Amino acid sequence: DNRSLCYIMAVSSLDMSNAKVNFMPFEGYSKSAFSSDGSRLATANYDRTIMLWDMQDLSIPGVPLEGHTGSVGSMAFSSDGNRLATANYDETIMLWDMQDLSIPGVPLEGHTGSVRSMAFSSDGNRLATGHYDGTIMLWDMQNPSIRGVPLEGHAVSVSSMAFSSDGTRLATAINDN
């Protein structure tokens, strides 16, 4: 069975000795990201489908975000929840305005490899993207139309990344078999 599933695990207690976990399946999705306040969930799958879910009322169908032409492999919300960045394997990064979903996603152009990982700085002013070729790009979110600054040093795929809480450091991990 090749189904992709995204499960939301609702933990009803922080007391782990007495925790109750409820699973809510979102069938067909393989990537997910919560907004920092937990009010929204973005899900994506390899068929280029991105859905935005209102976690306050799961009876409402998700809102589709359309614009990618290939499989979505990474996504991240800014810390204020106003932006969602998504990336796919056809070398496209899209930046979505979460305050006005009628606006199409804005492509970030200038990278040359498929994007595998991404992270916003805590102030939301920078987006880092990690590529399969080992390149990391830093994007200025005040001027997202300007090409990101490439950082080189890894020889293989950047599998994950995170900014420090003050935004002055970026930690990256690679797949080095």
C-alpha atoms as a PDB file:
ATOM      1  CA  ASP A   1       0.000   0.000   0.000  1.00  0.00           C
ATOM      2  CA  ASN A   2       1.593   3.291  -1.143  1.00  0.00           C
ATOM      3  CA  ARG A   3      -0.781   5.665   0.644  1.00  0.00           C
ATOM      4  CA  SER A   4       0.697   8.753   2.251  1.00  0.00           C
ATOM      5  CA  LEU A   5      -0.784   9.759   5.579  1.00  0.00           C
ATOM      6  CA  CYS A   6      -0.368  12.776   7.802  1.00  0.00           C
ATOM      7  CA  TYR A   7      -1.670  12.232  11.333  1.00  0.00           C
ATOM      8  CA  ILE A   8      -2.426  14.925  13.852  1.00  0.00           C
ATOM      9  CA  MET A   9      -1.747  13.609  17.319  1.00  0.00           C
ATOM     10  CA  ALA A  10      -3.768  15.612  19.825  1.00  0.00           C
ATOM     11  CA  VAL A  11      -2.162  15.137  23.221  1.00  0.00           C
ATOM     12  CA  SER A  12      -4.698  15.977  25.910  1.00  0.00           C
ATOM     13  CA  SER A  13      -2.265  16.262  28.815  1.00  0.00           C
ATOM     14  CA  LEU A  14       1.311  17.401  29.374  1.00  0.00           C
ATOM     15  CA  ASP A  15       1.571  14.819  32.134  1.00  0.00           C
ATOM     16  CA  MET A  16       3.134  12.091  29.996  1.00  0.00           C
ATOM     17  CA  SER A  17       2.369   9.426  32.613  1.00  0.00           C
ATOM     18  CA  ASN A  18      -1.321  10.065  31.961  1.00  0.00           C
ATOM     19  CA  ALA A  19      -1.291  11.336  28.368  1.00  0.00           C
ATOM     20  CA  LYS A  20      -4.167  10.541  26.050  1.00  0.00           C
ATOM     21  CA  VAL A  21      -3.412  10.698  22.350  1.00  0.00           C
ATOM     22  CA  ASN A  22      -6.087  11.074  19.700  1.00  0.00           C
ATOM     23  CA  PHE A  23      -5.106  10.511  16.064  1.00  0.00           C
ATOM     24  CA  MET A  24      -6.781  12.506  13.302  1.00  0.00           C
ATOM     25  CA  PRO A  25      -5.758  11.203   9.868  1.00  0.00           C
ATOM     26  CA  PHE A  26      -5.308  13.512   6.888  1.00  0.00           C
ATOM     27  CA  GLU A  27      -5.115  10.930   4.131  1.00  0.00           C
ATOM     28  CA  GLY A  28      -2.910  11.543   1.124  1.00  0.00           C
ATOM     29  CA  TYR A  29      -0.477  14.045   2.636  1.00  0.00           C
ATOM     30  CA  SER A  30       3.195  13.449   3.358  1.00  0.00           C
ATOM     31  CA  LYS A  31       4.450  16.869   4.546  1.00  0.00           C
ATOM     32  CA  SER A  32       2.986  19.110   7.225  1.00  0.00           C
ATOM     33  CA  ALA A  33       3.658  22.323   9.127  1.00  0.00           C
ATOM     34  CA  PHE A  34       1.755  24.084  11.911  1.00  0.00           C
ATOM     35  CA  SER A  35       1.554  27.838  12.292  1.00  0.00           C
ATOM     36  CA  SER A  36       3.240  28.893  15.549  1.00  0.00           C
ATOM     37  CA  ASP A  37      -0.102  29.527  17.263  1.00  0.00           C
ATOM     38  CA  GLY A  38      -1.423  26.127  16.128  1.00  0.00           C
ATOM     39  CA  SER A  39      -4.475  27.622  14.409  1.00  0.00           C
ATOM     40  CA  ARG A  40      -3.478  26.474  10.915  1.00  0.00           C
ATOM     41  CA  LEU A  41      -2.017  23.330   9.451  1.00  0.00           C
ATOM     42  CA  ALA A  42      -0.501  23.172   5.984  1.00  0.00           C
ATOM     43  CA  THR A  43      -0.278  19.742   4.354  1.00  0.00           C
ATOM     44  CA  ALA A  44       1.305  18.739   1.084  1.00  0.00           C
ATOM     45  CA  ASN A  45       1.851  15.675  -1.028  1.00  0.00           C
ATOM     46  CA  TYR A  46       3.980  14.537  -3.911  1.00  0.00           C
ATOM     47  CA  ASP A  47       1.118  15.259  -6.340  1.00  0.00           C
ATOM     48  CA  ARG A  48       1.758  19.048  -5.809  1.00  0.00           C
ATOM     49  CA  THR A  49      -1.332  19.428  -3.623  1.00  0.00           C
ATOM     50  CA  ILE A  50      -1.056  21.932  -0.771  1.00  0.00           C
ATOM     51  CA  MET A  51      -3.985  22.332   1.614  1.00  0.00           C
ATOM     52  CA  LEU A  52      -4.436  24.836   4.411  1.00  0.00           C
ATOM     53  CA  TRP A  53      -6.589  23.643   7.307  1.00  0.00           C
ATOM     54  CA  ASP A  54      -8.336  25.636  10.038  1.00  0.00           C
ATOM     55  CA  MET A  55      -7.530  23.698  13.210  1.00  0.00           C
ATOM     56  CA  GLN A  56     -10.370  25.399  15.097  1.00  0.00           C
ATOM     57  CA  ASP A  57     -12.982  23.728  12.874  1.00  0.00           C
ATOM     58  CA  LEU A  58     -11.898  20.559  11.094  1.00  0.00           C
ATOM     59  CA  SER A  59     -15.375  20.112   9.629  1.00  0.00           C
ATOM     60  CA  ILE A  60     -14.466  22.863   7.140  1.00  0.00           C
ATOM     61  CA  PRO A  61     -12.617  21.488   4.083  1.00  0.00           C
ATOM     62  CA  GLY A  62      -9.046  22.647   3.631  1.00  0.00           C
ATOM     63  CA  VAL A  63      -8.243  25.556   1.306  1.00  0.00           C
ATOM     64  CA  PRO A  64      -6.081  24.547  -1.666  1.00  0.00           C
ATOM     65  CA  LEU A  65      -2.989  26.599  -2.500  1.00  0.00           C
ATOM     66  CA  GLU A  66      -2.176  26.175  -6.172  1.00  0.00           C
ATOM     67  CA  GLY A  67       0.937  27.141  -8.057  1.00  0.00           C
ATOM     68  CA  HIS A  68       3.520  24.386  -7.824  1.00  0.00           C
ATOM     69  CA  THR A  69       4.137  22.219 -10.868  1.00  0.00           C
ATOM     70  CA  GLY A  70       5.962  19.421  -9.087  1.00  0.00           C
ATOM     71  CA  SER A  71       5.993  17.449  -5.847  1.00  0.00           C
ATOM     72  CA  VAL A  72       6.110  19.540  -2.664  1.00  0.00           C
ATOM     73  CA  GLY A  73       9.026  18.485  -0.497  1.00  0.00           C
ATOM     74  CA  SER A  74       9.292  21.137   2.213  1.00  0.00           C
ATOM     75  CA  MET A  75       7.258  23.844   3.921  1.00  0.00           C
ATOM     76  CA  ALA A  76       7.518  26.282   6.836  1.00  0.00           C
ATOM     77  CA  PHE A  77       5.433  29.012   8.438  1.00  0.00           C
ATOM     78  CA  SER A  78       6.967  32.285   9.570  1.00  0.00           C
ATOM     79  CA  SER A  79       6.820  32.685  13.364  1.00  0.00           C
ATOM     80  CA  ASP A  80       4.042  35.292  13.129  1.00  0.00           C
ATOM     81  CA  GLY A  81       2.040  32.946  10.871  1.00  0.00           C
ATOM     82  CA  ASN A  82       1.661  35.606   8.160  1.00  0.00           C
ATOM     83  CA  ARG A  83       3.693  33.696   5.565  1.00  0.00           C
ATOM     84  CA  LEU A  84       3.993  30.129   4.407  1.00  0.00           C
ATOM     85  CA  ALA A  85       6.942  29.069   2.285  1.00  0.00           C
ATOM     86  CA  THR A  86       6.663  25.895   0.222  1.00  0.00           C
ATOM     87  CA  ALA A  87       9.193  24.234  -2.026  1.00  0.00           C
ATOM     88  CA  ASN A  88       9.064  21.464  -4.541  1.00  0.00           C
ATOM     89  CA  TYR A  89      11.360  19.229  -6.478  1.00  0.00           C
ATOM     90  CA  ASP A  90      11.188  21.311  -9.678  1.00  0.00           C
ATOM     91  CA  GLU A  91      13.366  24.000  -8.010  1.00  0.00           C
ATOM     92  CA  THR A  92      10.462  26.297  -7.131  1.00  0.00           C
ATOM     93  CA  ILE A  93       9.956  28.095  -3.830  1.00  0.00           C
ATOM     94  CA  MET A  94       6.599  29.804  -3.308  1.00  0.00           C
ATOM     95  CA  LEU A  95       5.816  32.411  -0.670  1.00  0.00           C
ATOM     96  CA  TRP A  96       2.154  32.596   0.385  1.00  0.00           C
ATOM     97  CA  ASP A  97       0.419  35.494   2.161  1.00  0.00           C
ATOM     98  CA  MET A  98      -1.641  33.885   4.927  1.00  0.00           C
ATOM     99  CA  GLN A  99      -3.642  37.073   5.514  1.00  0.00           C
ATOM    100  CA  ASP A 100      -5.021  37.103   1.953  1.00  0.00           C
ATOM    101  CA  LEU A 101      -5.353  33.633   0.433  1.00  0.00           C
ATOM    102  CA  SER A 102      -6.794  35.102  -2.765  1.00  0.00           C
ATOM    103  CA  ILE A 103      -3.296  36.303  -3.686  1.00  0.00           C
ATOM    104  CA  PRO A 104      -1.355  33.647  -5.624  1.00  0.00           C
ATOM    105  CA  GLY A 105       1.931  32.458  -4.163  1.00  0.00           C
ATOM    106  CA  VAL A 106       4.974  34.537  -5.121  1.00  0.00           C
ATOM    107  CA  PRO A 107       7.861  32.523  -6.564  1.00  0.00           C
ATOM    108  CA  LEU A 108      11.368  33.047  -5.188  1.00  0.00           C
ATOM    109  CA  GLU A 109      13.724  32.789  -8.126  1.00  0.00           C
ATOM    110  CA  GLY A 110      17.433  32.247  -8.448  1.00  0.00           C
ATOM    111  CA  HIS A 111      18.162  28.898  -6.859  1.00  0.00           C
ATOM    112  CA  THR A 112      19.475  26.065  -8.969  1.00  0.00           C
ATOM    113  CA  GLY A 113      18.678  22.908  -7.051  1.00  0.00           C
ATOM    114  CA  SER A 114      15.688  21.061  -5.707  1.00  0.00           C
ATOM    115  CA  VAL A 115      14.821  22.306  -2.213  1.00  0.00           C
ATOM    116  CA  ARG A 116      14.807  19.764   0.583  1.00  0.00           C
ATOM    117  CA  SER A 117      14.564  21.861   3.751  1.00  0.00           C
ATOM    118  CA  MET A 118      13.708  25.377   4.880  1.00  0.00           C
ATOM    119  CA  ALA A 119      13.367  27.536   7.990  1.00  0.00           C
ATOM    120  CA  PHE A 120      12.342  31.092   8.819  1.00  0.00           C
ATOM    121  CA  SER A 121      14.312  33.160  11.323  1.00  0.00           C
ATOM    122  CA  SER A 122      12.314  33.905  14.486  1.00  0.00           C
ATOM    123  CA  ASP A 123      11.725  37.518  13.420  1.00  0.00           C
ATOM    124  CA  GLY A 124      10.553  36.339   9.976  1.00  0.00           C
ATOM    125  CA  ASN A 125      13.058  38.571   8.160  1.00  0.00           C
ATOM    126  CA  ARG A 126      15.054  35.690   6.657  1.00  0.00           C
ATOM    127  CA  LEU A 127      14.212  32.397   5.018  1.00  0.00           C
ATOM    128  CA  ALA A 128      16.920  29.769   4.645  1.00  0.00           C
ATOM    129  CA  THR A 129      16.506  27.005   2.069  1.00  0.00           C
ATOM    130  CA  GLY A 130      18.600  23.854   1.774  1.00  0.00           C
ATOM    131  CA  HIS A 131      19.077  22.159  -1.574  1.00  0.00           C
ATOM    132  CA  TYR A 132      19.850  18.653  -2.740  1.00  0.00           C
ATOM    133  CA  ASP A 133      23.169  19.886  -4.192  1.00  0.00           C
ATOM    134  CA  GLY A 134      24.326  21.053  -0.732  1.00  0.00           C
ATOM    135  CA  THR A 135      23.757  24.769  -1.350  1.00  0.00           C
ATOM    136  CA  ILE A 136      21.993  26.894   1.238  1.00  0.00           C
ATOM    137  CA  MET A 137      20.263  30.122   0.201  1.00  0.00           C
ATOM    138  CA  LEU A 138      19.380  33.002   2.518  1.00  0.00           C
ATOM    139  CA  TRP A 139      16.426  35.116   1.383  1.00  0.00           C
ATOM    140  CA  ASP A 140      15.620  38.611   2.646  1.00  0.00           C
ATOM    141  CA  MET A 141      11.884  38.584   3.368  1.00  0.00           C
ATOM    142  CA  GLN A 142      11.753  42.389   3.247  1.00  0.00           C
ATOM    143  CA  ASN A 143      12.718  42.114  -0.470  1.00  0.00           C
ATOM    144  CA  PRO A 144      11.826  38.530  -1.484  1.00  0.00           C
ATOM    145  CA  SER A 145      12.043  39.331  -5.198  1.00  0.00           C
ATOM    146  CA  ILE A 146      15.826  39.777  -4.896  1.00  0.00           C
ATOM    147  CA  ARG A 147      17.827  36.586  -5.403  1.00  0.00           C
ATOM    148  CA  GLY A 148      18.903  34.891  -2.195  1.00  0.00           C
ATOM    149  CA  VAL A 149      22.501  34.814  -1.020  1.00  0.00           C
ATOM    150  CA  PRO A 150      24.099  31.399  -1.660  1.00  0.00           C
ATOM    151  CA  LEU A 151      26.112  29.734   1.104  1.00  0.00           C
ATOM    152  CA  GLU A 152      28.316  26.846   0.087  1.00  0.00           C
ATOM    153  CA  GLY A 153      30.180  24.294   2.124  1.00  0.00           C
ATOM    154  CA  HIS A 154      28.141  21.107   2.063  1.00  0.00           C
ATOM    155  CA  ALA A 155      28.861  18.588  -0.660  1.00  0.00           C
ATOM    156  CA  VAL A 156      25.594  16.659  -0.251  1.00  0.00           C
ATOM    157  CA  SER A 157      21.888  17.277   0.358  1.00  0.00           C
ATOM    158  CA  VAL A 158      20.846  19.598   3.207  1.00  0.00           C
ATOM    159  CA  SER A 159      18.193  17.558   5.010  1.00  0.00           C
ATOM    160  CA  SER A 160      17.188  19.932   7.806  1.00  0.00           C
ATOM    161  CA  MET A 161      17.937  23.346   9.254  1.00  0.00           C
ATOM    162  CA  ALA A 162      17.014  25.649  12.120  1.00  0.00           C
ATOM    163  CA  PHE A 163      17.786  29.221  13.140  1.00  0.00           C
ATOM    164  CA  SER A 164      18.808  30.048  16.690  1.00  0.00           C
ATOM    165  CA  SER A 165      16.126  31.940  18.628  1.00  0.00           C
ATOM    166  CA  ASP A 166      17.936  35.264  18.114  1.00  0.00           C
ATOM    167  CA  GLY A 167      18.358  34.568  14.370  1.00  0.00           C
ATOM    168  CA  THR A 168      22.152  34.970  14.374  1.00  0.00           C
ATOM    169  CA  ARG A 169      23.011  31.311  13.733  1.00  0.00           C
ATOM    170  CA  LEU A 170      21.773  28.690  11.311  1.00  0.00           C
ATOM    171  CA  ALA A 171      22.308  25.013  12.061  1.00  0.00           C
ATOM    172  CA  THR A 172      22.156  22.598   9.122  1.00  0.00           C
ATOM    173  CA  ALA A 173      22.241  18.834   8.798  1.00  0.00           C
ATOM    174  CA  ILE A 174      23.220  16.788   5.765  1.00  0.00           C
ATOM    175  CA  ASN A 175      22.687  13.265   4.491  1.00  0.00           C
ATOM    176  CA  ASP A 176      26.186  11.840   4.374  1.00  0.00           C
ATOM    177  CA  ASN A 177      25.803   8.110   3.946  1.00  0.00           C
END
